[in-house]
């Protein structure tokens, strides 16, 4: 009984003989219709025996087996972003004989990895099992799934305040979060701030995001706007008196609503005072 590794061709057995008188055995295996595919078989093979004086042919009972060849199945490396579904995995195969290729694989089996849509950015092993192909067995080599960080933009929310008041509390919203998350898992949380202070003039100022490193996201910082509105100020002209015939005195104002310890506003255009009273105006009261 012989054993042959699959070669894609019918095996060719050899025979020896212990017949006397120098008989030599010659196999006509092609006439025996030997199977090339993996399996165990029984058949008869015509064998010719001859010496210098004579020859004869006999059908010899013959059993043999064809054993499978081992293919190496190497899982191709793959990648995806955090929060996305795993890709369709594939393998590279080597070890085919007789010019065959992956078309002889009838089932590529299944691929397995512990990575899910919620798995952190990093690398994960991918394994294969259960592939089938006539005449081949498989030696599996694992591959790697790389989960990359997903892009994430962080936007400070626009804020408003009144001149002289404390700065508002800054916060942000995100564009690009995965897995229904409300916020990233921060390795180092970002800070949100502005160059404006409670003493800054009325106007608009940038709100910026600084720093911030997330486990599963590449963070892009955006800017927001802080609008400082003018405060309300009540300016009251002080009452004054003079005698008939004199020139009007210098008028002055008192203020209600000044901020930041100011004594008077910083005027863009200083106010002027007016009254209908002149030196010749009769005694009385005038606005």
C-alpha atoms as a PDB file:
ATOM      1  CA  UNK A   1       0.000   0.000   0.000  1.00  0.00           C
ATOM      2  CA  UNK A   2       1.473   3.325  -1.067  1.00  0.00           C
ATOM      3  CA  UNK A   3       0.810   6.902   0.029  1.00  0.00           C
ATOM      4  CA  UNK A   4       1.228   9.923  -2.214  1.00  0.00           C
ATOM      5  CA  UNK A   5       0.972  13.638  -1.483  1.00  0.00           C
ATOM      6  CA  UNK A   6      -1.486  15.365  -3.786  1.00  0.00           C
ATOM      7  CA  UNK A   7       0.280  16.730  -6.861  1.00  0.00           C
ATOM      8  CA  UNK A   8      -2.600  17.462  -9.213  1.00  0.00           C
ATOM      9  CA  UNK A   9      -1.675  14.434 -11.293  1.00  0.00           C
ATOM     10  CA  UNK A  10      -2.374  10.730 -11.017  1.00  0.00           C
ATOM     11  CA  UNK A  11       0.333   9.018  -8.958  1.00  0.00           C
ATOM     12  CA  UNK A  12       2.729   6.604 -10.618  1.00  0.00           C
ATOM     13  CA  UNK A  13       3.430   3.567  -8.468  1.00  0.00           C
ATOM     14  CA  UNK A  14       6.483   1.366  -8.837  1.00  0.00           C
ATOM     15  CA  UNK A  15       6.543  -2.392  -8.340  1.00  0.00           C
ATOM     16  CA  UNK A  16       9.234  -4.843  -7.446  1.00  0.00           C
ATOM     17  CA  UNK A  17       9.141  -8.572  -7.925  1.00  0.00           C
ATOM     18  CA  UNK A  18      10.639 -11.534  -6.141  1.00  0.00           C
ATOM     19  CA  UNK A  19       9.961 -13.818  -9.102  1.00  0.00           C
ATOM     20  CA  UNK A  20      12.907 -16.071 -10.006  1.00  0.00           C
ATOM     21  CA  UNK A  21      14.964 -15.973 -13.184  1.00  0.00           C
ATOM     22  CA  UNK A  22      15.561 -12.223 -13.201  1.00  0.00           C
ATOM     23  CA  UNK A  23      12.047 -11.043 -13.886  1.00  0.00           C
ATOM     24  CA  UNK A  24      11.617  -7.238 -13.823  1.00  0.00           C
ATOM     25  CA  UNK A  25       8.245  -5.584 -13.092  1.00  0.00           C
ATOM     26  CA  UNK A  26       6.977  -2.637 -15.162  1.00  0.00           C
ATOM     27  CA  UNK A  27       3.782  -0.784 -14.143  1.00  0.00           C
ATOM     28  CA  UNK A  28       1.298   0.520 -16.640  1.00  0.00           C
ATOM     29  CA  UNK A  29      -0.283   2.776 -14.054  1.00  0.00           C
ATOM     30  CA  UNK A  30      -1.998   4.968 -16.616  1.00  0.00           C
ATOM     31  CA  UNK A  31      -4.071   1.967 -17.575  1.00  0.00           C
ATOM     32  CA  UNK A  32      -5.146   1.573 -13.989  1.00  0.00           C
ATOM     33  CA  UNK A  33      -7.075   4.876 -13.861  1.00  0.00           C
ATOM     34  CA  UNK A  34      -5.493   5.938 -10.586  1.00  0.00           C
ATOM     35  CA  UNK A  35      -7.270   8.760  -8.795  1.00  0.00           C
ATOM     36  CA  UNK A  36      -5.348  12.001  -8.316  1.00  0.00           C
ATOM     37  CA  UNK A  37      -7.630  13.517  -5.634  1.00  0.00           C
ATOM     38  CA  UNK A  38      -7.225  13.027  -1.922  1.00  0.00           C
ATOM     39  CA  UNK A  39      -8.660   9.747  -0.666  1.00  0.00           C
ATOM     40  CA  UNK A  40      -7.996   6.027  -0.142  1.00  0.00           C
ATOM     41  CA  UNK A  41      -8.520   3.736  -3.114  1.00  0.00           C
ATOM     42  CA  UNK A  42      -8.444   0.081  -4.179  1.00  0.00           C
ATOM     43  CA  UNK A  43      -7.968  -0.959  -7.800  1.00  0.00           C
ATOM     44  CA  UNK A  44      -6.006  -3.296 -10.039  1.00  0.00           C
ATOM     45  CA  UNK A  45      -2.998  -2.189 -12.004  1.00  0.00           C
ATOM     46  CA  UNK A  46      -1.616  -4.087 -15.006  1.00  0.00           C
ATOM     47  CA  UNK A  47       2.032  -4.981 -14.372  1.00  0.00           C
ATOM     48  CA  UNK A  48       4.262  -6.567 -16.985  1.00  0.00           C
ATOM     49  CA  UNK A  49       6.932  -8.989 -15.856  1.00  0.00           C
ATOM     50  CA  UNK A  50       9.744  -9.910 -18.203  1.00  0.00           C
ATOM     51  CA  UNK A  51      13.188 -11.505 -18.356  1.00  0.00           C
ATOM     52  CA  UNK A  52      15.449 -12.353 -21.247  1.00  0.00           C
ATOM     53  CA  UNK A  53      13.296 -15.285 -22.295  1.00  0.00           C
ATOM     54  CA  UNK A  54       9.692 -14.267 -21.735  1.00  0.00           C
ATOM     55  CA  UNK A  55       7.201 -11.710 -20.458  1.00  0.00           C
ATOM     56  CA  UNK A  56       3.640 -11.735 -19.166  1.00  0.00           C
ATOM     57  CA  UNK A  57       1.157  -9.185 -17.754  1.00  0.00           C
ATOM     58  CA  UNK A  58      -0.919  -9.575 -14.607  1.00  0.00           C
ATOM     59  CA  UNK A  59      -3.569  -7.333 -12.995  1.00  0.00           C
ATOM     60  CA  UNK A  60      -2.213  -6.737  -9.518  1.00  0.00           C
ATOM     61  CA  UNK A  61      -4.592  -5.666  -6.692  1.00  0.00           C
ATOM     62  CA  UNK A  62      -3.410  -2.295  -5.485  1.00  0.00           C
ATOM     63  CA  UNK A  63      -4.468   0.009  -2.657  1.00  0.00           C
ATOM     64  CA  UNK A  64      -3.151   3.503  -2.191  1.00  0.00           C
ATOM     65  CA  UNK A  65      -3.937   6.843  -0.612  1.00  0.00           C
ATOM     66  CA  UNK A  66      -3.495  10.442  -1.744  1.00  0.00           C
ATOM     67  CA  UNK A  67      -2.887  12.831   1.155  1.00  0.00           C
ATOM     68  CA  UNK A  68      -3.691  16.558   1.145  1.00  0.00           C
ATOM     69  CA  UNK A  69      -1.143  19.311   0.750  1.00  0.00           C
ATOM     70  CA  UNK A  70      -1.036  22.069   3.353  1.00  0.00           C
ATOM     71  CA  UNK A  71      -1.816  25.619   2.304  1.00  0.00           C
ATOM     72  CA  UNK A  72      -0.706  28.589   4.363  1.00  0.00           C
ATOM     73  CA  UNK A  73      -3.585  31.020   4.891  1.00  0.00           C
ATOM     74  CA  UNK A  74      -2.338  34.413   6.090  1.00  0.00           C
ATOM     75  CA  UNK A  75      -5.029  36.894   7.120  1.00  0.00           C
ATOM     76  CA  UNK A  76      -4.417  40.237   5.441  1.00  0.00           C
ATOM     77  CA  UNK A  77      -4.002  43.214   7.737  1.00  0.00           C
ATOM     78  CA  UNK A  78      -6.919  45.654   7.722  1.00  0.00           C
ATOM     79  CA  UNK A  79      -7.886  48.946   9.318  1.00  0.00           C
ATOM     80  CA  UNK A  80     -10.955  50.998  10.136  1.00  0.00           C
ATOM     81  CA  UNK A  81     -11.939  54.034  12.180  1.00  0.00           C
ATOM     82  CA  UNK A  82     -13.156  53.849  15.748  1.00  0.00           C
ATOM     83  CA  UNK A  83     -16.909  53.419  15.886  1.00  0.00           C
ATOM     84  CA  UNK A  84     -17.193  51.828  12.432  1.00  0.00           C
ATOM     85  CA  UNK A  85     -18.091  48.214  11.636  1.00  0.00           C
ATOM     86  CA  UNK A  86     -15.287  45.747  11.008  1.00  0.00           C
ATOM     87  CA  UNK A  87     -14.322  45.376   7.339  1.00  0.00           C
ATOM     88  CA  UNK A  88     -14.644  42.152   5.349  1.00  0.00           C
ATOM     89  CA  UNK A  89     -11.456  40.251   6.048  1.00  0.00           C
ATOM     90  CA  UNK A  90      -9.471  38.359   3.417  1.00  0.00           C
ATOM     91  CA  UNK A  91      -6.484  36.024   3.312  1.00  0.00           C
ATOM     92  CA  UNK A  92      -3.443  35.413   1.156  1.00  0.00           C
ATOM     93  CA  UNK A  93      -2.816  31.741   0.337  1.00  0.00           C
ATOM     94  CA  UNK A  94       0.413  29.989  -0.602  1.00  0.00           C
ATOM     95  CA  UNK A  95       1.397  26.367  -1.211  1.00  0.00           C
ATOM     96  CA  UNK A  96      -0.738  25.465  -4.244  1.00  0.00           C
ATOM     97  CA  UNK A  97       0.546  22.716  -6.551  1.00  0.00           C
ATOM     98  CA  UNK A  98       0.240  22.068 -10.255  1.00  0.00           C
ATOM     99  CA  UNK A  99      -0.520  25.695 -11.082  1.00  0.00           C
ATOM    100  CA  UNK A 100      -3.676  25.800  -8.975  1.00  0.00           C
ATOM    101  CA  UNK A 101      -4.780  28.947  -7.185  1.00  0.00           C
ATOM    102  CA  UNK A 102      -7.357  30.219  -4.720  1.00  0.00           C
ATOM    103  CA  UNK A 103     -10.176  29.326  -7.115  1.00  0.00           C
ATOM    104  CA  UNK A 104     -10.000  25.769  -5.719  1.00  0.00           C
ATOM    105  CA  UNK A 105     -10.988  27.031  -2.253  1.00  0.00           C
ATOM    106  CA  UNK A 106     -14.632  26.173  -1.774  1.00  0.00           C
ATOM    107  CA  UNK A 107     -15.126  27.978   1.542  1.00  0.00           C
ATOM    108  CA  UNK A 108     -12.914  30.640   3.091  1.00  0.00           C
ATOM    109  CA  UNK A 109     -14.312  29.870   6.528  1.00  0.00           C
ATOM    110  CA  UNK A 110     -14.880  32.493   9.192  1.00  0.00           C
ATOM    111  CA  UNK A 111     -12.822  35.345  10.610  1.00  0.00           C
ATOM    112  CA  UNK A 112     -12.824  36.315  14.255  1.00  0.00           C
ATOM    113  CA  UNK A 113     -11.606  39.290  16.297  1.00  0.00           C
ATOM    114  CA  UNK A 114     -12.535  40.679  19.684  1.00  0.00           C
ATOM    115  CA  UNK A 115     -12.776  44.192  18.200  1.00  0.00           C
ATOM    116  CA  UNK A 116     -16.267  45.732  18.079  1.00  0.00           C
ATOM    117  CA  UNK A 117     -17.524  49.183  17.134  1.00  0.00           C
ATOM    118  CA  UNK A 118     -16.884  50.253  20.739  1.00  0.00           C
ATOM    119  CA  UNK A 119     -13.331  48.921  20.949  1.00  0.00           C
ATOM    120  CA  UNK A 120     -10.715  51.577  21.627  1.00  0.00           C
ATOM    121  CA  UNK A 121      -8.260  52.682  18.979  1.00  0.00           C
ATOM    122  CA  UNK A 122      -5.386  50.195  18.813  1.00  0.00           C
ATOM    123  CA  UNK A 123      -4.484  46.845  17.227  1.00  0.00           C
ATOM    124  CA  UNK A 124      -6.411  43.586  17.438  1.00  0.00           C
ATOM    125  CA  UNK A 125      -5.668  40.046  16.255  1.00  0.00           C
ATOM    126  CA  UNK A 126      -7.790  38.585  13.450  1.00  0.00           C
ATOM    127  CA  UNK A 127      -7.952  34.796  13.091  1.00  0.00           C
ATOM    128  CA  UNK A 128      -9.379  32.507  10.422  1.00  0.00           C
ATOM    129  CA  UNK A 129     -10.829  29.007  10.712  1.00  0.00           C
ATOM    130  CA  UNK A 130     -12.978  26.549   8.819  1.00  0.00           C
ATOM    131  CA  UNK A 131     -11.652  27.071   5.275  1.00  0.00           C
ATOM    132  CA  UNK A 132     -12.098  24.117   2.918  1.00  0.00           C
ATOM    133  CA  UNK A 133     -10.597  23.082  -0.394  1.00  0.00           C
ATOM    134  CA  UNK A 134     -10.475  19.711  -2.095  1.00  0.00           C
ATOM    135  CA  UNK A 135      -7.025  18.184  -1.744  1.00  0.00           C
ATOM    136  CA  UNK A 136      -5.728  20.810   0.713  1.00  0.00           C
ATOM    137  CA  UNK A 137      -5.592  21.416   4.427  1.00  0.00           C
ATOM    138  CA  UNK A 138      -4.840  24.789   5.991  1.00  0.00           C
ATOM    139  CA  UNK A 139      -2.235  26.260   8.264  1.00  0.00           C
ATOM    140  CA  UNK A 140      -3.596  29.585   9.551  1.00  0.00           C
ATOM    141  CA  UNK A 141      -1.560  32.695  10.253  1.00  0.00           C
ATOM    142  CA  UNK A 142      -3.373  35.537  12.010  1.00  0.00           C
ATOM    143  CA  UNK A 143      -3.494  39.136  10.821  1.00  0.00           C
ATOM    144  CA  UNK A 144      -3.971  42.506  12.489  1.00  0.00           C
ATOM    145  CA  UNK A 145      -6.918  44.882  12.550  1.00  0.00           C
ATOM    146  CA  UNK A 146      -5.850  48.448  13.294  1.00  0.00           C
ATOM    147  CA  UNK A 147      -8.581  50.645  14.765  1.00  0.00           C
ATOM    148  CA  UNK A 148      -7.616  54.245  14.042  1.00  0.00           C
ATOM    149  CA  UNK A 149      -8.834  57.322  15.844  1.00  0.00           C
ATOM    150  CA  UNK A 150     -11.892  58.959  14.294  1.00  0.00           C
ATOM    151  CA  UNK A 151     -11.909  62.684  13.434  1.00  0.00           C
ATOM    152  CA  UNK A 152     -13.712  64.918  15.911  1.00  0.00           C
ATOM    153  CA  UNK A 153     -14.336  68.658  15.884  1.00  0.00           C
ATOM    154  CA  UNK A 154     -14.929  70.561  19.117  1.00  0.00           C
ATOM    155  CA  UNK A 155     -16.813  73.865  18.883  1.00  0.00           C
ATOM    156  CA  UNK A 156     -16.993  76.328  21.789  1.00  0.00           C
ATOM    157  CA  UNK A 157     -20.528  77.629  22.166  1.00  0.00           C
ATOM    158  CA  UNK A 158     -20.951  81.335  21.495  1.00  0.00           C
ATOM    159  CA  UNK A 159     -21.540  83.403  24.633  1.00  0.00           C
ATOM    160  CA  UNK A 160     -22.671  86.909  25.535  1.00  0.00           C
ATOM    161  CA  UNK A 161     -22.021  89.038  28.607  1.00  0.00           C
ATOM    162  CA  UNK A 162     -22.405  92.602  29.753  1.00  0.00           C
ATOM    163  CA  UNK A 163     -19.379  94.845  30.154  1.00  0.00           C
ATOM    164  CA  UNK A 164     -18.048  94.721  33.700  1.00  0.00           C
ATOM    165  CA  UNK A 165     -19.740  91.436  34.630  1.00  0.00           C
ATOM    166  CA  UNK A 166     -17.958  88.173  35.321  1.00  0.00           C
ATOM    167  CA  UNK A 167     -17.098  86.011  32.323  1.00  0.00           C
ATOM    168  CA  UNK A 168     -19.686  83.326  31.531  1.00  0.00           C
ATOM    169  CA  UNK A 169     -18.990  79.634  31.934  1.00  0.00           C
ATOM    170  CA  UNK A 170     -17.647  78.277  28.654  1.00  0.00           C
ATOM    171  CA  UNK A 171     -18.669  74.928  27.228  1.00  0.00           C
ATOM    172  CA  UNK A 172     -18.522  73.134  23.877  1.00  0.00           C
ATOM    173  CA  UNK A 173     -20.308  70.761  21.575  1.00  0.00           C
ATOM    174  CA  UNK A 174     -18.862  68.033  19.338  1.00  0.00           C
ATOM    175  CA  UNK A 175     -19.248  66.985  15.722  1.00  0.00           C
ATOM    176  CA  UNK A 176     -18.156  63.444  14.900  1.00  0.00           C
ATOM    177  CA  UNK A 177     -18.897  61.489  18.066  1.00  0.00           C
ATOM    178  CA  UNK A 178     -19.510  57.753  17.606  1.00  0.00           C
ATOM    179  CA  UNK A 179     -21.453  55.094  19.489  1.00  0.00           C
ATOM    180  CA  UNK A 180     -24.034  57.634  20.753  1.00  0.00           C
ATOM    181  CA  UNK A 181     -21.405  59.163  23.026  1.00  0.00           C
ATOM    182  CA  UNK A 182     -22.037  62.541  24.646  1.00  0.00           C
ATOM    183  CA  UNK A 183     -18.355  63.389  24.986  1.00  0.00           C
ATOM    184  CA  UNK A 184     -15.003  61.780  24.195  1.00  0.00           C
ATOM    185  CA  UNK A 185     -13.008  59.753  26.666  1.00  0.00           C
ATOM    186  CA  UNK A 186     -10.302  62.323  27.404  1.00  0.00           C
ATOM    187  CA  UNK A 187      -6.713  61.385  28.104  1.00  0.00           C
ATOM    188  CA  UNK A 188      -6.079  65.085  28.694  1.00  0.00           C
ATOM    189  CA  UNK A 189      -9.138  67.307  28.754  1.00  0.00           C
ATOM    190  CA  UNK A 190      -9.010  70.563  26.771  1.00  0.00           C
ATOM    191  CA  UNK A 191      -9.436  74.007  28.257  1.00  0.00           C
ATOM    192  CA  UNK A 192     -11.802  76.614  26.838  1.00  0.00           C
ATOM    193  CA  UNK A 193     -11.091  80.294  27.305  1.00  0.00           C
ATOM    194  CA  UNK A 194     -10.729  83.768  25.879  1.00  0.00           C
ATOM    195  CA  UNK A 195      -8.385  86.716  26.168  1.00  0.00           C
ATOM    196  CA  UNK A 196     -11.278  88.918  27.293  1.00  0.00           C
ATOM    197  CA  UNK A 197     -11.771  89.881  30.918  1.00  0.00           C
ATOM    198  CA  UNK A 198     -14.537  91.662  32.770  1.00  0.00           C
ATOM    199  CA  UNK A 199     -12.646  94.900  32.068  1.00  0.00           C
ATOM    200  CA  UNK A 200     -12.438  94.331  28.306  1.00  0.00           C
ATOM    201  CA  UNK A 201     -14.216  96.851  26.120  1.00  0.00           C
ATOM    202  CA  UNK A 202     -17.572  96.020  24.578  1.00  0.00           C
ATOM    203  CA  UNK A 203     -17.071  94.098  21.330  1.00  0.00           C
ATOM    204  CA  UNK A 204     -16.408  90.543  20.114  1.00  0.00           C
ATOM    205  CA  UNK A 205     -13.629  88.198  21.200  1.00  0.00           C
ATOM    206  CA  UNK A 206     -12.596  84.684  20.171  1.00  0.00           C
ATOM    207  CA  UNK A 207     -13.340  81.724  22.403  1.00  0.00           C
ATOM    208  CA  UNK A 208     -10.634  79.097  21.834  1.00  0.00           C
ATOM    209  CA  UNK A 209     -10.062  75.446  22.708  1.00  0.00           C
ATOM    210  CA  UNK A 210      -6.573  74.578  23.894  1.00  0.00           C
ATOM    211  CA  UNK A 211      -5.048  71.126  24.262  1.00  0.00           C
ATOM    212  CA  UNK A 212      -7.170  68.027  24.532  1.00  0.00           C
ATOM    213  CA  UNK A 213      -6.120  64.476  23.737  1.00  0.00           C
ATOM    214  CA  UNK A 214      -8.793  61.787  23.375  1.00  0.00           C
ATOM    215  CA  UNK A 215      -8.525  58.006  23.480  1.00  0.00           C
ATOM    216  CA  UNK A 216     -10.445  57.402  20.276  1.00  0.00           C
ATOM    217  CA  UNK A 217     -10.478  60.704  18.396  1.00  0.00           C
ATOM    218  CA  UNK A 218      -8.147  63.046  16.554  1.00  0.00           C
ATOM    219  CA  UNK A 219      -9.444  66.352  17.852  1.00  0.00           C
ATOM    220  CA  UNK A 220      -9.688  69.499  15.740  1.00  0.00           C
ATOM    221  CA  UNK A 221     -10.344  72.653  17.764  1.00  0.00           C
ATOM    222  CA  UNK A 222     -12.704  75.293  16.388  1.00  0.00           C
ATOM    223  CA  UNK A 223     -13.399  78.803  17.708  1.00  0.00           C
ATOM    224  CA  UNK A 224     -16.452  80.514  19.093  1.00  0.00           C
ATOM    225  CA  UNK A 225     -17.364  84.137  19.794  1.00  0.00           C
ATOM    226  CA  UNK A 226     -17.797  86.007  23.056  1.00  0.00           C
ATOM    227  CA  UNK A 227     -19.883  89.145  22.600  1.00  0.00           C
ATOM    228  CA  UNK A 228     -19.500  91.799  25.319  1.00  0.00           C
ATOM    229  CA  UNK A 229     -22.491  94.108  25.276  1.00  0.00           C
ATOM    230  CA  UNK A 230     -22.414  97.646  26.588  1.00  0.00           C
ATOM    231  CA  UNK A 231     -23.656  98.075  30.157  1.00  0.00           C
ATOM    232  CA  UNK A 232     -26.563 100.376  30.941  1.00  0.00           C
ATOM    233  CA  UNK A 233     -25.446 103.682  32.464  1.00  0.00           C
ATOM    234  CA  UNK A 234     -27.673 106.417  33.911  1.00  0.00           C
ATOM    235  CA  UNK A 235     -26.047 109.842  33.613  1.00  0.00           C
ATOM    236  CA  UNK A 236     -27.837 112.557  35.629  1.00  0.00           C
ATOM    237  CA  UNK A 237     -26.983 116.252  35.239  1.00  0.00           C
ATOM    238  CA  UNK A 238     -26.333 117.790  38.642  1.00  0.00           C
ATOM    239  CA  UNK A 239     -28.498 120.699  39.729  1.00  0.00           C
ATOM    240  CA  UNK A 240     -26.774 124.111  39.785  1.00  0.00           C
ATOM    241  CA  UNK A 241     -27.576 127.707  40.815  1.00  0.00           C
ATOM    242  CA  UNK A 242     -26.368 131.197  39.903  1.00  0.00           C
ATOM    243  CA  UNK A 243     -27.445 134.753  40.343  1.00  0.00           C
ATOM    244  CA  UNK A 244     -29.281 136.745  37.732  1.00  0.00           C
ATOM    245  CA  UNK A 245     -26.799 138.440  35.406  1.00  0.00           C
ATOM    246  CA  UNK A 246     -23.955 135.928  35.992  1.00  0.00           C
ATOM    247  CA  UNK A 247     -22.648 133.485  33.404  1.00  0.00           C
ATOM    248  CA  UNK A 248     -23.814 129.919  33.632  1.00  0.00           C
ATOM    249  CA  UNK A 249     -21.610 127.668  35.827  1.00  0.00           C
ATOM    250  CA  UNK A 250     -19.771 124.554  34.596  1.00  0.00           C
ATOM    251  CA  UNK A 251     -22.324 121.803  34.610  1.00  0.00           C
ATOM    252  CA  UNK A 252     -21.495 118.243  35.804  1.00  0.00           C
ATOM    253  CA  UNK A 253     -23.097 114.786  35.889  1.00  0.00           C
ATOM    254  CA  UNK A 254     -23.410 111.975  38.338  1.00  0.00           C
ATOM    255  CA  UNK A 255     -23.461 108.349  37.138  1.00  0.00           C
ATOM    256  CA  UNK A 256     -25.336 105.225  38.185  1.00  0.00           C
ATOM    257  CA  UNK A 257     -24.180 101.864  36.786  1.00  0.00           C
ATOM    258  CA  UNK A 258     -20.431 102.388  36.446  1.00  0.00           C
ATOM    259  CA  UNK A 259     -18.400  99.132  36.399  1.00  0.00           C
ATOM    260  CA  UNK A 260     -14.918  98.035  37.409  1.00  0.00           C
ATOM    261  CA  UNK A 261     -14.488 100.836  39.973  1.00  0.00           C
ATOM    262  CA  UNK A 262     -14.619 103.508  37.279  1.00  0.00           C
ATOM    263  CA  UNK A 263     -15.234 107.138  38.279  1.00  0.00           C
ATOM    264  CA  UNK A 264     -16.669 108.075  34.911  1.00  0.00           C
ATOM    265  CA  UNK A 265     -17.163 106.409  31.541  1.00  0.00           C
ATOM    266  CA  UNK A 266     -14.518 106.290  28.847  1.00  0.00           C
ATOM    267  CA  UNK A 267     -16.155 108.590  26.329  1.00  0.00           C
ATOM    268  CA  UNK A 268     -15.993 107.950  22.611  1.00  0.00           C
ATOM    269  CA  UNK A 269     -17.633 111.383  22.259  1.00  0.00           C
ATOM    270  CA  UNK A 270     -17.925 113.528  25.387  1.00  0.00           C
ATOM    271  CA  UNK A 271     -21.384 114.902  26.145  1.00  0.00           C
ATOM    272  CA  UNK A 272     -22.202 118.614  26.045  1.00  0.00           C
ATOM    273  CA  UNK A 273     -24.578 120.591  28.226  1.00  0.00           C
ATOM    274  CA  UNK A 274     -27.253 122.979  27.044  1.00  0.00           C
ATOM    275  CA  UNK A 275     -29.772 125.244  28.772  1.00  0.00           C
ATOM    276  CA  UNK A 276     -32.018 128.028  27.505  1.00  0.00           C
ATOM    277  CA  UNK A 277     -30.928 130.234  30.426  1.00  0.00           C
ATOM    278  CA  UNK A 278     -28.709 133.216  29.557  1.00  0.00           C
ATOM    279  CA  UNK A 279     -27.306 136.070  31.691  1.00  0.00           C
ATOM    280  CA  UNK A 280     -30.427 138.107  30.968  1.00  0.00           C
ATOM    281  CA  UNK A 281     -32.877 135.309  31.695  1.00  0.00           C
ATOM    282  CA  UNK A 282     -35.278 136.206  34.540  1.00  0.00           C
ATOM    283  CA  UNK A 283     -34.791 134.498  37.863  1.00  0.00           C
ATOM    284  CA  UNK A 284     -36.374 131.073  37.813  1.00  0.00           C
ATOM    285  CA  UNK A 285     -35.602 127.420  37.054  1.00  0.00           C
ATOM    286  CA  UNK A 286     -34.394 126.098  33.773  1.00  0.00           C
ATOM    287  CA  UNK A 287     -33.663 122.581  32.458  1.00  0.00           C
END
